[in-house]
């Protein structure tokens, strides 16, 4: 009897946990119309470029009416190594002049978009059709595809979401080729590399090795400079030492120090006089009066 009671309690707890953990999706179906195909609400839902009845130039009628559901989220990127976000579908194709309704569902707890570029700007502001949902939710929008064979980019414009995999292509008619780097459809322009360089196995050792190399180079440069100065000094000393020996012969220490200071004073005086003459000649040249014509 007691075992049966605990079983019922455990089952009830599990069912309650499942209900609590179930993700709640917000339906964005009461948006404010701001004109120009721009709809939005206060819950993070937005539609831009909504067009339900105006035919693009070159379309005599609506050829077909289609409806698709596109989901966006982290889980759809699991099949693409190195990607973080993705749509559940990466490629779409419809006839020209098709009236298309897109039901966009966001399965993540962040903001995602389904944005289509390259549409005619006279009909779609900035040439785009845009669906946006913040957090788990669903939003719908409608557009009429232009005529002609063209491939349009569809992506999420949130920073780094497209680069991390949330992009697709939509072909009208036969399309105009494939776009690059569409996950699962076309090769990436920049291939991911998972090879580990031996130098990067231990960054600390690499930095220490680089520091040691630079310090060794600096010490070698300073040593070579010091050696050159030393050689020049020794050569001058060997040449001047006989003259100094004769000059200081018979002098006491104090007389020798006095002579050295007199010599230094004479050298400085000579430099000062030379500098004064050069400066005076420069200034006199600037102040020279030109003869009148």
C-alpha atoms as a PDB file:
ATOM      1  CA  UNK A   1       0.000   0.000   0.000  1.00  0.00           C
ATOM      2  CA  UNK A   2       2.784   2.390   1.001  1.00  0.00           C
ATOM      3  CA  UNK A   3       4.790   1.461  -2.098  1.00  0.00           C
ATOM      4  CA  UNK A   4       1.807   2.252  -4.326  1.00  0.00           C
ATOM      5  CA  UNK A   5       1.375   5.648  -2.663  1.00  0.00           C
ATOM      6  CA  UNK A   6       5.015   6.594  -3.232  1.00  0.00           C
ATOM      7  CA  UNK A   7       4.759   5.443  -6.865  1.00  0.00           C
ATOM      8  CA  UNK A   8       1.792   7.725  -7.436  1.00  0.00           C
ATOM      9  CA  UNK A   9       3.636  10.646  -5.810  1.00  0.00           C
ATOM     10  CA  UNK A  10       6.756  10.044  -7.918  1.00  0.00           C
ATOM     11  CA  UNK A  11       4.737   9.800 -11.121  1.00  0.00           C
ATOM     12  CA  UNK A  12       2.868  13.004 -10.308  1.00  0.00           C
ATOM     13  CA  UNK A  13       6.145  14.785  -9.582  1.00  0.00           C
ATOM     14  CA  UNK A  14       7.623  13.680 -12.910  1.00  0.00           C
ATOM     15  CA  UNK A  15       4.549  14.840 -14.824  1.00  0.00           C
ATOM     16  CA  UNK A  16       4.615  18.186 -13.033  1.00  0.00           C
ATOM     17  CA  UNK A  17       8.330  18.616 -13.818  1.00  0.00           C
ATOM     18  CA  UNK A  18       7.675  17.871 -17.485  1.00  0.00           C
ATOM     19  CA  UNK A  19       4.931  20.477 -17.611  1.00  0.00           C
ATOM     20  CA  UNK A  20       7.112  23.051 -15.859  1.00  0.00           C
ATOM     21  CA  UNK A  21      10.048  22.351 -18.165  1.00  0.00           C
ATOM     22  CA  UNK A  22       7.924  22.551 -21.341  1.00  0.00           C
ATOM     23  CA  UNK A  23       8.925  25.570 -23.387  1.00  0.00           C
ATOM     24  CA  UNK A  24       6.238  28.191 -23.764  1.00  0.00           C
ATOM     25  CA  UNK A  25       6.000  29.759 -27.212  1.00  0.00           C
ATOM     26  CA  UNK A  26       4.535  33.217 -27.598  1.00  0.00           C
ATOM     27  CA  UNK A  27       2.177  33.729 -30.531  1.00  0.00           C
ATOM     28  CA  UNK A  28       2.814  37.128 -32.135  1.00  0.00           C
ATOM     29  CA  UNK A  29      -0.515  37.557 -33.930  1.00  0.00           C
ATOM     30  CA  UNK A  30      -1.744  40.909 -32.572  1.00  0.00           C
ATOM     31  CA  UNK A  31       0.869  43.289 -33.876  1.00  0.00           C
ATOM     32  CA  UNK A  32       0.479  47.003 -34.481  1.00  0.00           C
ATOM     33  CA  UNK A  33       0.567  48.164 -38.112  1.00  0.00           C
ATOM     34  CA  UNK A  34       3.030  51.056 -38.476  1.00  0.00           C
ATOM     35  CA  UNK A  35       2.493  51.382 -42.215  1.00  0.00           C
ATOM     36  CA  UNK A  36       4.693  50.433 -45.137  1.00  0.00           C
ATOM     37  CA  UNK A  37       4.451  46.742 -44.311  1.00  0.00           C
ATOM     38  CA  UNK A  38       5.989  47.279 -40.852  1.00  0.00           C
ATOM     39  CA  UNK A  39       4.272  45.369 -38.038  1.00  0.00           C
ATOM     40  CA  UNK A  40       5.475  44.934 -34.466  1.00  0.00           C
ATOM     41  CA  UNK A  41       4.381  44.342 -30.881  1.00  0.00           C
ATOM     42  CA  UNK A  42       5.813  44.947 -27.425  1.00  0.00           C
ATOM     43  CA  UNK A  43       6.770  41.295 -26.979  1.00  0.00           C
ATOM     44  CA  UNK A  44       9.741  41.292 -29.330  1.00  0.00           C
ATOM     45  CA  UNK A  45       7.943  40.336 -32.540  1.00  0.00           C
ATOM     46  CA  UNK A  46       8.417  42.256 -35.790  1.00  0.00           C
ATOM     47  CA  UNK A  47       7.584  41.976 -39.498  1.00  0.00           C
ATOM     48  CA  UNK A  48       9.090  44.274 -42.144  1.00  0.00           C
ATOM     49  CA  UNK A  49       8.234  44.237 -45.840  1.00  0.00           C
ATOM     50  CA  UNK A  50       4.800  42.666 -45.434  1.00  0.00           C
ATOM     51  CA  UNK A  51       3.058  42.546 -48.834  1.00  0.00           C
ATOM     52  CA  UNK A  52      -0.138  40.580 -49.288  1.00  0.00           C
ATOM     53  CA  UNK A  53      -1.680  42.128 -52.401  1.00  0.00           C
ATOM     54  CA  UNK A  54       0.668  44.355 -54.459  1.00  0.00           C
ATOM     55  CA  UNK A  55       2.112  42.588 -57.485  1.00  0.00           C
ATOM     56  CA  UNK A  56       5.787  43.232 -58.300  1.00  0.00           C
ATOM     57  CA  UNK A  57       6.525  44.687 -61.733  1.00  0.00           C
ATOM     58  CA  UNK A  58       6.496  41.932 -64.333  1.00  0.00           C
ATOM     59  CA  UNK A  59       3.903  39.804 -62.508  1.00  0.00           C
ATOM     60  CA  UNK A  60       0.471  39.776 -64.180  1.00  0.00           C
ATOM     61  CA  UNK A  61      -1.045  37.610 -61.467  1.00  0.00           C
ATOM     62  CA  UNK A  62      -0.219  35.500 -58.428  1.00  0.00           C
ATOM     63  CA  UNK A  63       0.958  32.220 -59.936  1.00  0.00           C
ATOM     64  CA  UNK A  64       0.797  30.165 -56.732  1.00  0.00           C
ATOM     65  CA  UNK A  65       0.090  30.542 -53.027  1.00  0.00           C
ATOM     66  CA  UNK A  66       2.517  28.737 -50.733  1.00  0.00           C
ATOM     67  CA  UNK A  67       3.095  28.519 -46.992  1.00  0.00           C
ATOM     68  CA  UNK A  68       6.191  27.263 -45.188  1.00  0.00           C
ATOM     69  CA  UNK A  69       7.263  26.888 -41.569  1.00  0.00           C
ATOM     70  CA  UNK A  70      10.896  27.629 -40.694  1.00  0.00           C
ATOM     71  CA  UNK A  71      12.377  26.914 -37.294  1.00  0.00           C
ATOM     72  CA  UNK A  72      15.530  28.570 -35.916  1.00  0.00           C
ATOM     73  CA  UNK A  73      17.728  27.489 -33.046  1.00  0.00           C
ATOM     74  CA  UNK A  74      20.939  26.068 -31.701  1.00  0.00           C
ATOM     75  CA  UNK A  75      19.777  22.455 -32.021  1.00  0.00           C
ATOM     76  CA  UNK A  76      19.588  22.686 -35.831  1.00  0.00           C
ATOM     77  CA  UNK A  77      23.323  23.464 -36.020  1.00  0.00           C
ATOM     78  CA  UNK A  78      24.367  20.166 -34.443  1.00  0.00           C
ATOM     79  CA  UNK A  79      24.644  18.484 -37.859  1.00  0.00           C
ATOM     80  CA  UNK A  80      27.036  21.182 -39.097  1.00  0.00           C
ATOM     81  CA  UNK A  81      30.429  20.910 -37.312  1.00  0.00           C
ATOM     82  CA  UNK A  82      31.729  24.245 -36.081  1.00  0.00           C
ATOM     83  CA  UNK A  83      28.360  26.014 -36.396  1.00  0.00           C
ATOM     84  CA  UNK A  84      26.418  27.488 -33.466  1.00  0.00           C
ATOM     85  CA  UNK A  85      22.998  28.484 -34.902  1.00  0.00           C
ATOM     86  CA  UNK A  86      21.005  27.345 -37.937  1.00  0.00           C
ATOM     87  CA  UNK A  87      17.606  27.148 -39.587  1.00  0.00           C
ATOM     88  CA  UNK A  88      16.011  23.726 -39.874  1.00  0.00           C
ATOM     89  CA  UNK A  89      15.957  24.223 -43.678  1.00  0.00           C
ATOM     90  CA  UNK A  90      18.821  25.722 -45.685  1.00  0.00           C
ATOM     91  CA  UNK A  91      17.312  25.897 -49.182  1.00  0.00           C
ATOM     92  CA  UNK A  92      13.930  26.935 -50.605  1.00  0.00           C
ATOM     93  CA  UNK A  93      12.632  27.157 -54.193  1.00  0.00           C
ATOM     94  CA  UNK A  94       9.408  28.662 -55.590  1.00  0.00           C
ATOM     95  CA  UNK A  95       7.922  29.830 -58.867  1.00  0.00           C
ATOM     96  CA  UNK A  96       8.167  33.515 -59.782  1.00  0.00           C
ATOM     97  CA  UNK A  97       5.183  35.645 -58.665  1.00  0.00           C
ATOM     98  CA  UNK A  98       4.351  33.247 -55.836  1.00  0.00           C
ATOM     99  CA  UNK A  99       2.520  34.588 -52.790  1.00  0.00           C
ATOM    100  CA  UNK A 100       4.545  33.150 -49.925  1.00  0.00           C
ATOM    101  CA  UNK A 101       3.616  33.083 -46.238  1.00  0.00           C
ATOM    102  CA  UNK A 102       6.466  32.274 -43.848  1.00  0.00           C
ATOM    103  CA  UNK A 103       5.712  30.966 -40.356  1.00  0.00           C
ATOM    104  CA  UNK A 104       8.896  31.601 -38.372  1.00  0.00           C
ATOM    105  CA  UNK A 105       9.419  29.761 -35.070  1.00  0.00           C
ATOM    106  CA  UNK A 106      12.268  30.611 -32.696  1.00  0.00           C
ATOM    107  CA  UNK A 107      13.245  27.652 -30.481  1.00  0.00           C
ATOM    108  CA  UNK A 108      15.995  29.508 -28.581  1.00  0.00           C
ATOM    109  CA  UNK A 109      15.901  31.908 -25.654  1.00  0.00           C
ATOM    110  CA  UNK A 110      17.622  34.603 -27.716  1.00  0.00           C
ATOM    111  CA  UNK A 111      16.535  36.794 -30.639  1.00  0.00           C
ATOM    112  CA  UNK A 112      16.530  35.310 -34.152  1.00  0.00           C
ATOM    113  CA  UNK A 113      15.537  36.632 -37.572  1.00  0.00           C
ATOM    114  CA  UNK A 114      14.533  35.309 -40.991  1.00  0.00           C
ATOM    115  CA  UNK A 115      15.667  38.097 -43.300  1.00  0.00           C
ATOM    116  CA  UNK A 116      15.552  37.991 -47.087  1.00  0.00           C
ATOM    117  CA  UNK A 117      17.656  40.442 -49.154  1.00  0.00           C
ATOM    118  CA  UNK A 118      17.733  41.659 -52.756  1.00  0.00           C
ATOM    119  CA  UNK A 119      14.014  42.282 -53.297  1.00  0.00           C
ATOM    120  CA  UNK A 120      12.884  45.253 -55.456  1.00  0.00           C
ATOM    121  CA  UNK A 121      13.197  48.397 -53.337  1.00  0.00           C
ATOM    122  CA  UNK A 122      10.235  50.171 -54.958  1.00  0.00           C
ATOM    123  CA  UNK A 123       8.019  47.571 -53.279  1.00  0.00           C
ATOM    124  CA  UNK A 124      10.021  46.328 -50.284  1.00  0.00           C
ATOM    125  CA  UNK A 125      11.726  49.000 -48.113  1.00  0.00           C
ATOM    126  CA  UNK A 126      15.511  48.567 -48.237  1.00  0.00           C
ATOM    127  CA  UNK A 127      14.913  45.583 -50.516  1.00  0.00           C
ATOM    128  CA  UNK A 128      14.202  43.144 -47.723  1.00  0.00           C
ATOM    129  CA  UNK A 129      11.544  41.008 -46.081  1.00  0.00           C
ATOM    130  CA  UNK A 130      12.143  40.537 -42.362  1.00  0.00           C
ATOM    131  CA  UNK A 131      10.694  38.373 -39.568  1.00  0.00           C
ATOM    132  CA  UNK A 132      12.000  38.671 -36.012  1.00  0.00           C
ATOM    133  CA  UNK A 133      11.193  36.927 -32.727  1.00  0.00           C
ATOM    134  CA  UNK A 134      12.797  37.444 -29.328  1.00  0.00           C
ATOM    135  CA  UNK A 135      12.828  34.228 -27.302  1.00  0.00           C
ATOM    136  CA  UNK A 136      10.644  31.184 -27.957  1.00  0.00           C
ATOM    137  CA  UNK A 137       7.785  32.275 -30.179  1.00  0.00           C
ATOM    138  CA  UNK A 138       6.079  32.210 -33.554  1.00  0.00           C
ATOM    139  CA  UNK A 139       5.480  34.983 -36.056  1.00  0.00           C
ATOM    140  CA  UNK A 140       4.152  35.008 -39.615  1.00  0.00           C
ATOM    141  CA  UNK A 141       4.564  37.297 -42.597  1.00  0.00           C
ATOM    142  CA  UNK A 142       3.647  37.318 -46.286  1.00  0.00           C
ATOM    143  CA  UNK A 143       5.345  38.577 -49.438  1.00  0.00           C
ATOM    144  CA  UNK A 144       4.928  38.185 -53.195  1.00  0.00           C
ATOM    145  CA  UNK A 145       8.075  36.961 -54.930  1.00  0.00           C
ATOM    146  CA  UNK A 146       9.331  38.947 -57.957  1.00  0.00           C
ATOM    147  CA  UNK A 147       9.559  37.493 -61.477  1.00  0.00           C
ATOM    148  CA  UNK A 148      12.733  36.114 -63.010  1.00  0.00           C
ATOM    149  CA  UNK A 149      15.310  33.521 -62.006  1.00  0.00           C
ATOM    150  CA  UNK A 150      17.230  34.695 -58.971  1.00  0.00           C
ATOM    151  CA  UNK A 151      18.837  33.330 -55.780  1.00  0.00           C
ATOM    152  CA  UNK A 152      18.162  35.336 -52.637  1.00  0.00           C
ATOM    153  CA  UNK A 153      20.092  35.326 -49.360  1.00  0.00           C
ATOM    154  CA  UNK A 154      18.112  34.447 -46.238  1.00  0.00           C
ATOM    155  CA  UNK A 155      19.843  34.883 -42.905  1.00  0.00           C
ATOM    156  CA  UNK A 156      19.720  36.060 -39.298  1.00  0.00           C
ATOM    157  CA  UNK A 157      21.179  39.549 -39.020  1.00  0.00           C
ATOM    158  CA  UNK A 158      21.903  39.394 -35.286  1.00  0.00           C
ATOM    159  CA  UNK A 159      25.652  39.862 -34.748  1.00  0.00           C
ATOM    160  CA  UNK A 160      27.606  36.682 -35.574  1.00  0.00           C
ATOM    161  CA  UNK A 161      24.477  34.513 -36.011  1.00  0.00           C
ATOM    162  CA  UNK A 162      24.919  34.289 -39.792  1.00  0.00           C
ATOM    163  CA  UNK A 163      28.671  33.729 -39.420  1.00  0.00           C
ATOM    164  CA  UNK A 164      27.874  30.932 -36.949  1.00  0.00           C
ATOM    165  CA  UNK A 165      25.609  29.139 -39.445  1.00  0.00           C
ATOM    166  CA  UNK A 166      22.149  30.779 -39.541  1.00  0.00           C
ATOM    167  CA  UNK A 167      21.832  31.378 -43.267  1.00  0.00           C
ATOM    168  CA  UNK A 168      20.015  29.845 -46.227  1.00  0.00           C
ATOM    169  CA  UNK A 169      19.158  30.539 -49.858  1.00  0.00           C
ATOM    170  CA  UNK A 170      15.808  30.969 -51.586  1.00  0.00           C
ATOM    171  CA  UNK A 171      15.635  30.353 -55.319  1.00  0.00           C
ATOM    172  CA  UNK A 172      12.941  31.922 -57.476  1.00  0.00           C
ATOM    173  CA  UNK A 173      12.386  30.049 -60.708  1.00  0.00           C
ATOM    174  CA  UNK A 174      15.597  28.266 -61.685  1.00  0.00           C
ATOM    175  CA  UNK A 175      17.627  30.522 -59.413  1.00  0.00           C
ATOM    176  CA  UNK A 176      20.915  32.164 -60.362  1.00  0.00           C
ATOM    177  CA  UNK A 177      23.374  29.655 -58.990  1.00  0.00           C
ATOM    178  CA  UNK A 178      24.205  28.849 -55.385  1.00  0.00           C
ATOM    179  CA  UNK A 179      25.415  31.227 -52.697  1.00  0.00           C
ATOM    180  CA  UNK A 180      28.666  30.371 -50.892  1.00  0.00           C
ATOM    181  CA  UNK A 181      28.920  29.022 -47.359  1.00  0.00           C
ATOM    182  CA  UNK A 182      25.327  27.782 -47.053  1.00  0.00           C
ATOM    183  CA  UNK A 183      25.532  25.021 -44.396  1.00  0.00           C
ATOM    184  CA  UNK A 184      24.999  21.610 -45.962  1.00  0.00           C
ATOM    185  CA  UNK A 185      24.485  23.107 -49.443  1.00  0.00           C
ATOM    186  CA  UNK A 186      27.696  24.801 -50.608  1.00  0.00           C
ATOM    187  CA  UNK A 187      31.317  24.702 -49.373  1.00  0.00           C
ATOM    188  CA  UNK A 188      32.496  27.303 -46.885  1.00  0.00           C
ATOM    189  CA  UNK A 189      34.601  30.123 -48.321  1.00  0.00           C
ATOM    190  CA  UNK A 190      36.841  29.927 -45.254  1.00  0.00           C
ATOM    191  CA  UNK A 191      37.229  26.324 -44.181  1.00  0.00           C
ATOM    192  CA  UNK A 192      37.362  25.523 -40.479  1.00  0.00           C
ATOM    193  CA  UNK A 193      40.656  24.021 -39.334  1.00  0.00           C
ATOM    194  CA  UNK A 194      40.806  21.758 -36.310  1.00  0.00           C
ATOM    195  CA  UNK A 195      44.541  21.048 -36.519  1.00  0.00           C
ATOM    196  CA  UNK A 196      46.526  22.002 -33.434  1.00  0.00           C
ATOM    197  CA  UNK A 197      49.902  23.570 -34.058  1.00  0.00           C
ATOM    198  CA  UNK A 198      52.720  22.129 -31.854  1.00  0.00           C
ATOM    199  CA  UNK A 199      53.739  25.695 -31.001  1.00  0.00           C
ATOM    200  CA  UNK A 200      50.322  26.336 -29.471  1.00  0.00           C
ATOM    201  CA  UNK A 201      50.299  23.184 -27.313  1.00  0.00           C
ATOM    202  CA  UNK A 202      51.781  25.156 -24.432  1.00  0.00           C
ATOM    203  CA  UNK A 203      51.249  28.915 -24.913  1.00  0.00           C
ATOM    204  CA  UNK A 204      53.278  29.771 -21.803  1.00  0.00           C
ATOM    205  CA  UNK A 205      56.345  27.923 -23.080  1.00  0.00           C
ATOM    206  CA  UNK A 206      55.879  29.530 -26.499  1.00  0.00           C
ATOM    207  CA  UNK A 207      55.778  32.998 -24.952  1.00  0.00           C
ATOM    208  CA  UNK A 208      58.847  32.229 -22.817  1.00  0.00           C
ATOM    209  CA  UNK A 209      60.717  30.975 -25.880  1.00  0.00           C
ATOM    210  CA  UNK A 210      59.789  34.096 -27.843  1.00  0.00           C
ATOM    211  CA  UNK A 211      60.880  36.337 -24.966  1.00  0.00           C
ATOM    212  CA  UNK A 212      64.162  34.471 -24.626  1.00  0.00           C
ATOM    213  CA  UNK A 213      64.821  34.778 -28.369  1.00  0.00           C
ATOM    214  CA  UNK A 214      64.121  38.526 -28.400  1.00  0.00           C
ATOM    215  CA  UNK A 215      66.268  39.117 -25.305  1.00  0.00           C
ATOM    216  CA  UNK A 216      69.119  37.087 -26.808  1.00  0.00           C
ATOM    217  CA  UNK A 217      68.900  39.126 -30.014  1.00  0.00           C
ATOM    218  CA  UNK A 218      68.931  42.395 -28.038  1.00  0.00           C
ATOM    219  CA  UNK A 219      71.892  41.276 -25.926  1.00  0.00           C
ATOM    220  CA  UNK A 220      73.796  40.226 -29.052  1.00  0.00           C
ATOM    221  CA  UNK A 221      73.159  43.625 -30.647  1.00  0.00           C
ATOM    222  CA  UNK A 222      74.235  45.486 -27.504  1.00  0.00           C
ATOM    223  CA  UNK A 223      77.293  43.256 -27.147  1.00  0.00           C
ATOM    224  CA  UNK A 224      78.375  43.905 -30.732  1.00  0.00           C
ATOM    225  CA  UNK A 225      77.880  47.666 -30.278  1.00  0.00           C
ATOM    226  CA  UNK A 226      79.806  47.605 -27.004  1.00  0.00           C
ATOM    227  CA  UNK A 227      82.624  45.645 -28.595  1.00  0.00           C
ATOM    228  CA  UNK A 228      82.917  48.177 -31.436  1.00  0.00           C
ATOM    229  CA  UNK A 229      83.045  51.137 -29.047  1.00  0.00           C
ATOM    230  CA  UNK A 230      85.616  49.345 -26.907  1.00  0.00           C
ATOM    231  CA  UNK A 231      87.891  48.696 -29.903  1.00  0.00           C
ATOM    232  CA  UNK A 232      87.701  52.359 -30.988  1.00  0.00           C
ATOM    233  CA  UNK A 233      88.426  53.522 -27.433  1.00  0.00           C
ATOM    234  CA  UNK A 234      91.426  51.234 -27.106  1.00  0.00           C
ATOM    235  CA  UNK A 235      92.809  52.431 -30.436  1.00  0.00           C
ATOM    236  CA  UNK A 236      92.472  56.093 -29.437  1.00  0.00           C
ATOM    237  CA  UNK A 237      94.005  55.343 -26.050  1.00  0.00           C
ATOM    238  CA  UNK A 238      97.026  53.673 -27.620  1.00  0.00           C
ATOM    239  CA  UNK A 239      97.592  56.636 -29.924  1.00  0.00           C
ATOM    240  CA  UNK A 240      97.155  59.363 -27.291  1.00  0.00           C
ATOM    241  CA  UNK A 241      98.817  57.664 -24.330  1.00  0.00           C
ATOM    242  CA  UNK A 242     102.429  58.455 -25.429  1.00  0.00           C
ATOM    243  CA  UNK A 243     101.557  62.144 -25.795  1.00  0.00           C
ATOM    244  CA  UNK A 244      99.817  62.250 -22.412  1.00  0.00           C
ATOM    245  CA  UNK A 245     102.727  60.423 -20.774  1.00  0.00           C
ATOM    246  CA  UNK A 246     105.139  63.122 -21.964  1.00  0.00           C
ATOM    247  CA  UNK A 247     102.762  65.928 -20.923  1.00  0.00           C
ATOM    248  CA  UNK A 248     102.129  64.613 -17.396  1.00  0.00           C
ATOM    249  CA  UNK A 249     105.728  63.601 -16.782  1.00  0.00           C
ATOM    250  CA  UNK A 250     107.063  65.316 -13.642  1.00  0.00           C
ATOM    251  CA  UNK A 251     103.588  66.629 -12.589  1.00  0.00           C
ATOM    252  CA  UNK A 252     102.068  65.913  -9.211  1.00  0.00           C
ATOM    253  CA  UNK A 253      98.553  64.489  -8.960  1.00  0.00           C
ATOM    254  CA  UNK A 254      96.938  67.860  -8.200  1.00  0.00           C
ATOM    255  CA  UNK A 255      98.826  69.494 -11.100  1.00  0.00           C
ATOM    256  CA  UNK A 256      97.618  66.748 -13.431  1.00  0.00           C
ATOM    257  CA  UNK A 257      93.957  67.212 -12.340  1.00  0.00           C
ATOM    258  CA  UNK A 258      94.276  70.989 -12.782  1.00  0.00           C
ATOM    259  CA  UNK A 259      95.660  70.536 -16.278  1.00  0.00           C
ATOM    260  CA  UNK A 260      92.822  68.204 -17.242  1.00  0.00           C
ATOM    261  CA  UNK A 261      90.230  70.759 -16.141  1.00  0.00           C
ATOM    262  CA  UNK A 262      92.031  73.514 -18.061  1.00  0.00           C
ATOM    263  CA  UNK A 263      92.054  71.297 -21.147  1.00  0.00           C
ATOM    264  CA  UNK A 264      88.322  70.590 -20.828  1.00  0.00           C
ATOM    265  CA  UNK A 265      87.638  74.308 -20.383  1.00  0.00           C
ATOM    266  CA  UNK A 266      89.630  75.131 -23.486  1.00  0.00           C
ATOM    267  CA  UNK A 267      87.732  72.571 -25.538  1.00  0.00           C
ATOM    268  CA  UNK A 268      84.367  73.860 -24.323  1.00  0.00           C
ATOM    269  CA  UNK A 269      85.432  77.437 -25.010  1.00  0.00           C
ATOM    270  CA  UNK A 270      86.443  76.509 -28.535  1.00  0.00           C
ATOM    271  CA  UNK A 271      83.090  74.822 -29.173  1.00  0.00           C
ATOM    272  CA  UNK A 272      81.238  77.848 -27.765  1.00  0.00           C
ATOM    273  CA  UNK A 273      83.149  80.301 -29.969  1.00  0.00           C
ATOM    274  CA  UNK A 274      82.618  78.146 -33.029  1.00  0.00           C
ATOM    275  CA  UNK A 275      78.882  77.874 -32.362  1.00  0.00           C
ATOM    276  CA  UNK A 276      78.642  81.661 -31.793  1.00  0.00           C
ATOM    277  CA  UNK A 277      80.329  82.427 -35.092  1.00  0.00           C
ATOM    278  CA  UNK A 278      78.022  80.047 -36.984  1.00  0.00           C
ATOM    279  CA  UNK A 279      74.925  81.483 -35.317  1.00  0.00           C
ATOM    280  CA  UNK A 280      76.097  85.073 -35.964  1.00  0.00           C
ATOM    281  CA  UNK A 281      76.693  84.368 -39.640  1.00  0.00           C
ATOM    282  CA  UNK A 282      73.230  82.821 -40.024  1.00  0.00           C
ATOM    283  CA  UNK A 283      71.495  85.756 -38.325  1.00  0.00           C
ATOM    284  CA  UNK A 284      73.471  88.365 -40.255  1.00  0.00           C
ATOM    285  CA  UNK A 285      72.466  86.673 -43.506  1.00  0.00           C
ATOM    286  CA  UNK A 286      68.762  86.882 -42.598  1.00  0.00           C
ATOM    287  CA  UNK A 287      68.989  90.573 -41.686  1.00  0.00           C
ATOM    288  CA  UNK A 288      70.759  91.594 -44.923  1.00  0.00           C
ATOM    289  CA  UNK A 289      68.904  94.434 -46.683  1.00  0.00           C
ATOM    290  CA  UNK A 290      68.296  93.902 -50.368  1.00  0.00           C
ATOM    291  CA  UNK A 291      69.206  96.801 -52.726  1.00  0.00           C
ATOM    292  CA  UNK A 292      66.334  98.854 -54.059  1.00  0.00           C
ATOM    293  CA  UNK A 293      65.530  98.430 -57.758  1.00  0.00           C
END
